[in-house]
Amino acid sequence: MAHAQERAQDYVEAIADLIKEHGSARATDIAKSLGVTHVTVIRTVRRLQREGLVDSLPYRAIFLTESGRILAAKAKERHETVIAFLEAIGVSTSTARKDAEGIEHHVSPETLAVFEKFLGSENKR
């Protein structure tokens, strides 16, 4: 179940990014963005539709519902916080981006709050 939630977060974040960048998100674009097959995207999008996170029509773009937009924003914020923290402690940007992909799903709310506090104090220096 935790893996399904991680996947949902990755998908809604990718869809939000594609919509922001291109105005729409198509299954082929999502597959390319996430490094998965078109079939995997179609199956996952169906599940996300059942969960009320996305809407789509056959052969059309995929859109986030309000719940999907909220989840995407939270996932993006967690992701960016982890990247910023890793960079602040000296990790290179490219490595921080790669490592954040795994860390963001497993970091506890307590640890994330400490990251945010640390980043806030770093900005004040």
Protein backbone atom coordinates (compact mmCIF):
# COMPACT_ATOMS: atom_id res chain seq x y z
CA MET A 1 0.00 0.00 0.00
CA ALA A 2 2.84 2.41 0.80
CA HIS A 3 4.35 1.78 -2.63
CA ALA A 4 1.02 2.61 -4.28
CA GLN A 5 0.90 5.91 -2.39
CA GLU A 6 4.47 6.71 -3.45
CA ARG A 7 3.57 5.97 -7.05
CA ALA A 8 0.44 8.15 -6.82
CA GLN A 9 2.56 11.03 -5.51
CA ASP A 10 5.10 10.60 -8.30
CA TYR A 11 2.38 10.51 -10.95
CA VAL A 12 0.43 13.54 -9.76
CA GLU A 13 3.66 15.51 -9.37
CA ALA A 14 4.73 14.53 -12.91
CA ILE A 15 1.29 15.39 -14.32
CA ALA A 16 1.33 18.78 -12.58
CA ASP A 17 4.82 19.50 -13.94
CA LEU A 18 3.80 18.53 -17.48
CA ILE A 19 0.66 20.66 -17.33
CA LYS A 20 2.68 23.60 -16.06
CA GLU A 21 5.34 23.15 -18.75
CA HIS A 22 3.22 22.12 -21.76
CA GLY A 23 -0.38 22.94 -20.84
CA SER A 24 -1.37 19.27 -20.81
CA ALA A 25 -0.18 15.82 -19.78
CA ARG A 26 -0.49 12.89 -22.17
CA ALA A 27 0.20 9.28 -21.27
CA THR A 28 3.24 9.18 -23.54
CA ASP A 29 4.66 12.29 -21.85
CA ILE A 30 4.07 10.82 -18.40
CA ALA A 31 5.75 7.55 -19.45
CA LYS A 32 8.79 9.44 -20.72
CA SER A 33 8.93 11.63 -17.61
CA LEU A 34 8.79 8.70 -15.20
CA GLY A 35 10.75 6.20 -17.28
CA VAL A 36 7.93 3.67 -17.47
CA THR A 37 5.94 2.09 -20.30
CA HIS A 38 2.79 3.55 -21.83
CA VAL A 39 0.86 0.50 -20.58
CA THR A 40 2.06 1.12 -17.02
CA VAL A 41 0.87 4.72 -17.24
CA ILE A 42 -2.57 3.70 -18.53
CA ARG A 43 -3.01 1.17 -15.69
CA THR A 44 -1.84 3.63 -13.05
CA VAL A 45 -3.99 6.46 -14.42
CA ARG A 46 -7.04 4.17 -14.20
CA ARG A 47 -6.23 3.55 -10.53
CA LEU A 48 -5.71 7.26 -9.93
CA GLN A 49 -9.10 7.92 -11.55
CA ARG A 50 -10.75 5.45 -9.17
CA GLU A 51 -9.02 7.26 -6.28
CA GLY A 52 -10.36 10.60 -7.53
CA LEU A 53 -6.93 12.12 -8.26
CA VAL A 54 -7.13 12.47 -12.07
CA ASP A 55 -9.63 12.81 -14.88
CA SER A 56 -9.07 11.77 -18.48
CA LEU A 57 -10.81 10.78 -21.64
CA PRO A 58 -9.55 8.07 -24.01
CA TYR A 59 -6.81 9.41 -26.30
CA ARG A 60 -6.92 12.77 -24.55
CA ALA A 61 -4.86 14.61 -21.98
CA ILE A 62 -4.88 13.68 -18.31
CA PHE A 63 -5.86 16.32 -15.78
CA LEU A 64 -5.64 16.52 -12.00
CA THR A 65 -8.75 16.80 -9.88
CA GLU A 66 -8.73 19.20 -6.93
CA SER A 67 -7.57 16.30 -4.72
CA GLY A 68 -4.87 15.48 -7.24
CA ARG A 69 -3.67 19.10 -7.33
CA ILE A 70 -3.47 19.18 -3.53
CA LEU A 71 -1.50 15.91 -3.42
CA ALA A 72 0.80 17.14 -6.22
CA ALA A 73 1.51 20.39 -4.38
CA LYS A 74 2.33 18.54 -1.16
CA ALA A 75 4.55 16.05 -2.99
CA LYS A 76 6.36 18.87 -4.83
CA GLU A 77 6.90 20.76 -1.57
CA ARG A 78 8.36 17.66 0.14
CA HIS A 79 10.55 16.99 -2.87
CA GLU A 80 11.87 20.55 -3.02
CA THR A 81 12.50 20.63 0.74
CA VAL A 82 14.56 17.43 0.58
CA ILE A 83 16.57 18.75 -2.40
CA ALA A 84 17.18 22.10 -0.68
CA PHE A 85 18.27 20.38 2.53
CA LEU A 86 20.68 18.06 0.74
CA GLU A 87 22.17 20.97 -1.20
CA ALA A 88 22.46 23.01 2.02
CA ILE A 89 24.59 20.31 3.62
CA GLY A 90 26.88 20.17 0.61
CA VAL A 91 25.39 17.55 -1.71
CA SER A 92 25.72 18.48 -5.39
CA THR A 93 22.52 19.52 -7.15
CA SER A 94 22.51 16.53 -9.50
CA THR A 95 23.01 14.05 -6.66
CA ALA A 96 20.49 15.84 -4.43
CA ARG A 97 17.86 15.58 -7.19
CA LYS A 98 18.50 11.85 -7.66
CA ASP A 99 18.59 11.07 -3.94
CA ALA A 100 15.48 13.13 -3.19
CA GLU A 101 13.42 10.77 -5.35
CA GLY A 102 13.72 8.04 -2.75
CA ILE A 103 14.07 10.07 0.41
CA GLU A 104 10.99 12.24 -0.10
CA HIS A 105 8.65 9.26 0.28
CA HIS A 106 10.28 7.90 3.41
CA VAL A 107 11.13 10.97 5.45
CA SER A 108 8.84 11.37 8.46
CA PRO A 109 6.87 14.56 9.11
CA GLU A 110 9.13 15.19 12.11
CA THR A 111 12.30 14.93 10.03
CA LEU A 112 10.81 17.06 7.26
CA ALA A 113 9.96 19.73 9.84
CA VAL A 114 13.58 19.69 11.04
CA PHE A 115 14.76 20.04 7.43
CA GLU A 116 12.46 23.06 7.04
CA LYS A 117 13.65 24.57 10.32
CA PHE A 118 17.28 24.07 9.29
CA LEU A 119 16.62 25.66 5.90
CA GLY A 120 14.88 28.60 7.58
CA SER A 121 17.86 29.19 9.83
CA GLU A 122 20.23 28.81 6.85
CA ASN A 123 18.36 31.57 5.01
CA LYS A 124 18.73 33.90 8.00
CA ARG A 125 22.53 33.63 8.11
